Amino acid sequence: MTLKQGIASYLRSRLTDGVLLWQVACEYLAASRKLESLGYDKSQAYQYIRDLQ
C-alpha cells in the first residue's frame, strides 16, 4: 500500500456514510458533465441523484 492509499484509507474510515454518499454524488455529476458531448443527458443525471434521496 502506498502512502497516498494509506492516507485515503485512514480518512475514508472516519467519514460518515452521508459524507461518502455526497462525495460519490458529486463525482457522478462531474463525470456526467464531461459526457454531455457524447449525448449523456445532464438533467437525467441530476434526476438520478434526486431519486436516491
N, C-alpha and C. Protein backbone atom coordinates (compact mmCIF):
# COMPACT_ATOMS: atom_id res chain seq x y z
N MET A 1 0.86 -1.18 0.00
CA MET A 1 0.00 0.00 0.00
C MET A 1 0.90 1.24 0.00
N THR A 2 0.59 2.16 -0.89
CA THR A 2 1.37 3.40 -0.95
C THR A 2 0.95 4.34 0.18
N LEU A 3 1.74 5.37 0.38
CA LEU A 3 1.42 6.36 1.41
C LEU A 3 0.08 7.02 1.12
N LYS A 4 -0.16 7.38 -0.16
CA LYS A 4 -1.44 8.01 -0.52
C LYS A 4 -2.61 7.08 -0.24
N GLN A 5 -2.45 5.80 -0.57
CA GLN A 5 -3.51 4.83 -0.32
C GLN A 5 -3.77 4.69 1.18
N GLY A 6 -2.71 4.69 1.96
CA GLY A 6 -2.86 4.60 3.41
C GLY A 6 -3.60 5.79 3.99
N ILE A 7 -3.25 6.98 3.52
CA ILE A 7 -3.92 8.20 3.98
C ILE A 7 -5.39 8.18 3.56
N ALA A 8 -5.64 7.79 2.30
CA ALA A 8 -7.02 7.73 1.81
C ALA A 8 -7.84 6.73 2.62
N SER A 9 -7.26 5.58 2.91
CA SER A 9 -7.96 4.57 3.70
C SER A 9 -8.26 5.09 5.11
N TYR A 10 -7.29 5.75 5.71
CA TYR A 10 -7.47 6.32 7.05
C TYR A 10 -8.60 7.35 7.05
N LEU A 11 -8.57 8.27 6.08
CA LEU A 11 -9.60 9.31 6.02
C LEU A 11 -10.97 8.72 5.74
N ARG A 12 -11.02 7.76 4.82
CA ARG A 12 -12.30 7.14 4.46
C ARG A 12 -12.92 6.41 5.66
N SER A 13 -12.10 5.81 6.48
CA SER A 13 -12.62 5.05 7.63
C SER A 13 -13.26 5.97 8.67
N ARG A 14 -12.96 7.27 8.61
CA ARG A 14 -13.50 8.21 9.59
C ARG A 14 -14.66 9.04 9.07
N LEU A 15 -15.04 8.81 7.81
CA LEU A 15 -16.17 9.54 7.25
C LEU A 15 -17.48 8.89 7.65
N THR A 16 -18.50 9.71 7.76
CA THR A 16 -19.83 9.14 7.97
C THR A 16 -20.38 8.71 6.61
N ASP A 17 -21.37 7.84 6.61
CA ASP A 17 -21.95 7.35 5.36
C ASP A 17 -22.49 8.48 4.50
N GLY A 18 -23.08 9.48 5.12
CA GLY A 18 -23.65 10.60 4.37
C GLY A 18 -22.61 11.40 3.62
N VAL A 19 -21.45 11.57 4.25
CA VAL A 19 -20.37 12.32 3.61
C VAL A 19 -19.85 11.56 2.40
N LEU A 20 -19.68 10.26 2.54
CA LEU A 20 -19.19 9.45 1.43
C LEU A 20 -20.20 9.43 0.29
N LEU A 21 -21.47 9.31 0.60
CA LEU A 21 -22.51 9.32 -0.43
C LEU A 21 -22.53 10.66 -1.15
N TRP A 22 -22.37 11.76 -0.42
CA TRP A 22 -22.32 13.09 -1.03
C TRP A 22 -21.13 13.18 -1.99
N GLN A 23 -19.99 12.66 -1.61
CA GLN A 23 -18.81 12.68 -2.47
C GLN A 23 -19.05 11.89 -3.75
N VAL A 24 -19.66 10.73 -3.63
CA VAL A 24 -19.97 9.91 -4.81
C VAL A 24 -20.93 10.65 -5.73
N ALA A 25 -21.95 11.29 -5.17
CA ALA A 25 -22.91 12.04 -5.97
C ALA A 25 -22.23 13.18 -6.72
N CYS A 26 -21.35 13.89 -6.06
CA CYS A 26 -20.63 15.00 -6.71
C CYS A 26 -19.73 14.49 -7.83
N GLU A 27 -19.05 13.39 -7.60
CA GLU A 27 -18.19 12.81 -8.64
C GLU A 27 -19.02 12.34 -9.83
N TYR A 28 -20.18 11.76 -9.56
CA TYR A 28 -21.07 11.30 -10.63
C TYR A 28 -21.54 12.47 -11.48
N LEU A 29 -21.95 13.55 -10.84
CA LEU A 29 -22.42 14.72 -11.59
C LEU A 29 -21.28 15.36 -12.39
N ALA A 30 -20.09 15.39 -11.82
CA ALA A 30 -18.94 15.94 -12.55
C ALA A 30 -18.63 15.09 -13.78
N ALA A 31 -18.69 13.78 -13.62
CA ALA A 31 -18.43 12.90 -14.76
C ALA A 31 -19.53 13.03 -15.81
N SER A 32 -20.76 13.23 -15.37
CA SER A 32 -21.86 13.34 -16.33
C SER A 32 -21.70 14.59 -17.20
N ARG A 33 -21.15 15.65 -16.64
CA ARG A 33 -20.92 16.87 -17.42
C ARG A 33 -19.89 16.63 -18.52
N LYS A 34 -18.90 15.81 -18.23
CA LYS A 34 -17.86 15.51 -19.21
C LYS A 34 -18.40 14.66 -20.37
N LEU A 35 -19.50 13.95 -20.14
CA LEU A 35 -20.06 13.07 -21.16
C LEU A 35 -21.16 13.71 -21.99
N GLU A 36 -21.48 14.96 -21.70
CA GLU A 36 -22.54 15.64 -22.45
C GLU A 36 -22.27 15.67 -23.95
N SER A 37 -21.02 15.85 -24.34
CA SER A 37 -20.69 15.92 -25.77
C SER A 37 -20.94 14.58 -26.47
N LEU A 38 -21.06 13.52 -25.68
CA LEU A 38 -21.34 12.19 -26.24
C LEU A 38 -22.82 11.84 -26.16
N GLY A 39 -23.64 12.81 -25.76
CA GLY A 39 -25.08 12.60 -25.72
C GLY A 39 -25.65 12.24 -24.36
N TYR A 40 -24.82 12.23 -23.32
CA TYR A 40 -25.32 11.92 -21.98
C TYR A 40 -26.14 13.10 -21.49
N ASP A 41 -27.30 12.82 -20.95
CA ASP A 41 -28.25 13.85 -20.54
C ASP A 41 -27.98 14.28 -19.10
N LYS A 42 -27.48 15.51 -18.94
CA LYS A 42 -27.15 16.03 -17.60
C LYS A 42 -28.39 16.11 -16.72
N SER A 43 -29.53 16.49 -17.29
CA SER A 43 -30.74 16.59 -16.48
C SER A 43 -31.16 15.22 -15.95
N GLN A 44 -30.92 14.18 -16.73
CA GLN A 44 -31.23 12.83 -16.25
C GLN A 44 -30.29 12.43 -15.12
N ALA A 45 -29.04 12.85 -15.21
CA ALA A 45 -28.08 12.56 -14.14
C ALA A 45 -28.53 13.20 -12.83
N TYR A 46 -28.98 14.44 -12.91
CA TYR A 46 -29.48 15.12 -11.71
C TYR A 46 -30.73 14.43 -11.17
N GLN A 47 -31.57 13.94 -12.07
CA GLN A 47 -32.78 13.23 -11.63
C GLN A 47 -32.41 11.94 -10.91
N TYR A 48 -31.40 11.22 -11.40
CA TYR A 48 -30.94 10.00 -10.72
C TYR A 48 -30.53 10.31 -9.29
N ILE A 49 -29.82 11.44 -9.09
CA ILE A 49 -29.40 11.82 -7.75
C ILE A 49 -30.61 12.15 -6.88
N ARG A 50 -31.57 12.88 -7.43
CA ARG A 50 -32.78 13.21 -6.67
C ARG A 50 -33.54 11.94 -6.29
N ASP A 51 -33.56 10.96 -7.18
CA ASP A 51 -34.26 9.70 -6.90
C ASP A 51 -33.62 8.94 -5.75
N LEU A 52 -32.33 9.15 -5.52
CA LEU A 52 -31.65 8.46 -4.42
C LEU A 52 -32.08 8.98 -3.05
N GLN A 53 -32.60 10.19 -2.99
CA GLN A 53 -32.96 10.77 -1.70
C GLN A 53 -34.08 10.03 -1.12
